[in-house]
Protein backbone atom coordinates (compact mmCIF):
# COMPACT_ATOMS: atom_id res chain seq x y z
CA MET A 1 13.84 0.40 -27.46
CA ALA A 2 11.62 -2.49 -26.41
CA SER A 3 13.99 -3.27 -23.38
CA SER A 4 13.63 0.47 -22.19
CA LEU A 5 10.05 0.34 -22.66
CA LYS A 6 9.90 -2.77 -20.54
CA SER A 7 12.12 -1.34 -18.01
CA ALA A 8 9.98 1.87 -17.93
CA THR A 9 6.88 0.02 -17.54
CA PHE A 10 8.47 -2.27 -14.75
CA LEU A 11 9.60 0.92 -12.76
CA ILE A 12 6.34 2.55 -12.97
CA GLU A 13 4.34 -0.65 -11.95
CA SER A 14 6.50 -1.57 -9.25
CA ARG A 15 6.76 2.23 -7.91
CA LEU A 16 3.02 2.77 -8.30
CA ALA A 17 2.17 -0.05 -5.90
CA GLU A 18 4.59 1.11 -3.32
CA ALA A 19 3.55 4.80 -3.93
CA ALA A 20 -0.07 3.80 -3.35
CA SER A 21 0.74 2.70 0.23
CA GLY A 22 2.22 6.29 0.82
CA ASP A 23 6.05 5.20 0.25
CA ALA A 24 7.75 8.66 0.08
CA ASP A 25 10.65 7.16 -1.64
CA ALA A 26 8.57 5.64 -4.28
CA LEU A 27 6.68 8.67 -4.78
CA TYR A 28 9.96 10.63 -5.13
CA GLU A 29 11.56 8.19 -7.57
CA LEU A 30 8.45 8.52 -9.76
CA GLY A 31 9.11 12.29 -9.84
CA VAL A 32 12.73 11.83 -10.61
CA ALA A 33 11.91 9.55 -13.46
CA TYR A 34 9.38 11.98 -15.06
CA SER A 35 11.52 14.91 -14.55
CA THR A 36 14.57 13.40 -16.05
CA GLY A 37 13.16 11.06 -18.65
CA THR A 38 14.97 8.02 -17.35
CA HIS A 39 13.99 4.48 -18.01
CA GLY A 40 12.58 5.51 -21.35
CA LEU A 41 9.93 7.76 -20.08
CA GLU A 42 9.15 11.14 -21.62
CA VAL A 43 10.06 13.99 -19.73
CA ASP A 44 6.75 15.27 -18.29
CA LEU A 45 6.88 18.25 -15.70
CA VAL A 46 3.36 17.98 -14.79
CA GLU A 47 3.73 14.52 -13.94
CA ALA A 48 6.91 14.90 -11.92
CA HIS A 49 5.53 17.67 -10.19
CA LYS A 50 2.54 15.47 -9.09
CA TRP A 51 4.77 12.82 -7.75
CA PHE A 52 7.21 15.20 -5.99
CA ASN A 53 4.10 17.01 -4.47
CA LEU A 54 2.61 13.70 -3.14
CA ALA A 55 6.24 12.83 -1.82
CA ALA A 56 6.55 16.09 0.00
CA LEU A 57 2.97 15.43 1.29
CA ASN A 58 4.45 12.01 2.84
CA GLY A 59 7.51 13.78 4.38
CA SER A 60 9.94 13.83 1.77
CA ARG A 61 12.30 16.85 1.88
CA ARG A 62 13.82 15.77 -1.44
CA GLY A 63 10.24 15.80 -2.98
CA GLN A 64 9.92 19.49 -1.66
CA GLU A 65 13.03 20.68 -3.14
CA CYS A 66 12.57 19.07 -6.63
CA ARG A 67 9.06 20.16 -6.78
CA ALA A 68 10.36 23.67 -5.94
CA GLU A 69 12.98 23.61 -8.64
CA ILE A 70 10.63 22.20 -11.43
CA SER A 71 7.99 24.79 -10.63
CA GLU A 72 10.29 27.46 -11.80
CA GLU A 73 10.15 25.90 -15.42
CA MET A 74 6.41 25.63 -15.22
CA THR A 75 3.45 27.95 -15.74
CA ALA A 76 0.83 28.36 -13.31
CA ARG A 77 -1.66 26.48 -15.27
CA GLU A 78 0.96 23.46 -15.47
CA ILE A 79 1.26 23.60 -11.70
CA ALA A 80 -2.39 23.79 -11.02
CA GLU A 81 -3.03 20.81 -13.24
CA ALA A 82 -0.34 18.87 -11.53
CA GLN A 83 -2.04 19.79 -8.01
CA ARG A 84 -5.26 18.82 -9.46
CA GLN A 85 -3.77 15.36 -10.54
CA ALA A 86 -2.13 14.94 -7.12
CA ARG A 87 -5.59 15.41 -5.20
CA ALA A 88 -6.97 12.90 -7.74
CA TRP A 89 -4.31 10.36 -6.84
CA LEU A 90 -4.85 10.92 -3.14
CA SER A 91 -8.64 10.45 -3.57
CA GLU A 92 -8.15 7.30 -5.53
CA THR A 93 -5.67 5.86 -3.33
CA THR A 94 -7.71 6.50 -0.08
CA ILE A 95 -10.63 4.84 -1.80
CA ARG A 96 -8.64 1.92 -2.64
CA ARG A 97 -7.17 1.58 0.90
CA ALA A 98 -10.54 1.72 2.25
CA ALA A 99 -12.10 -1.02 0.39
């Protein structure tokens, strides 16, 4: 269990750094991790939708497809929350890059 938690932490930390620079593959991989529960993560469709949405915004066709797929399993409220979180992420990373 501890090693899978370390694996998840490493995955998230390494991918977040790449995602902050707009790396569509890193954004997509975060979406996959949260949608499937890999690397010891809990399945979280709101979080997955957020990352797939951000990947799609950065040109990932796979991100668009996966976002559409998981949207079918989500409520309108969950989708709205995922979109809100994606906007917040964009605002935060834009501010950090500008600083």
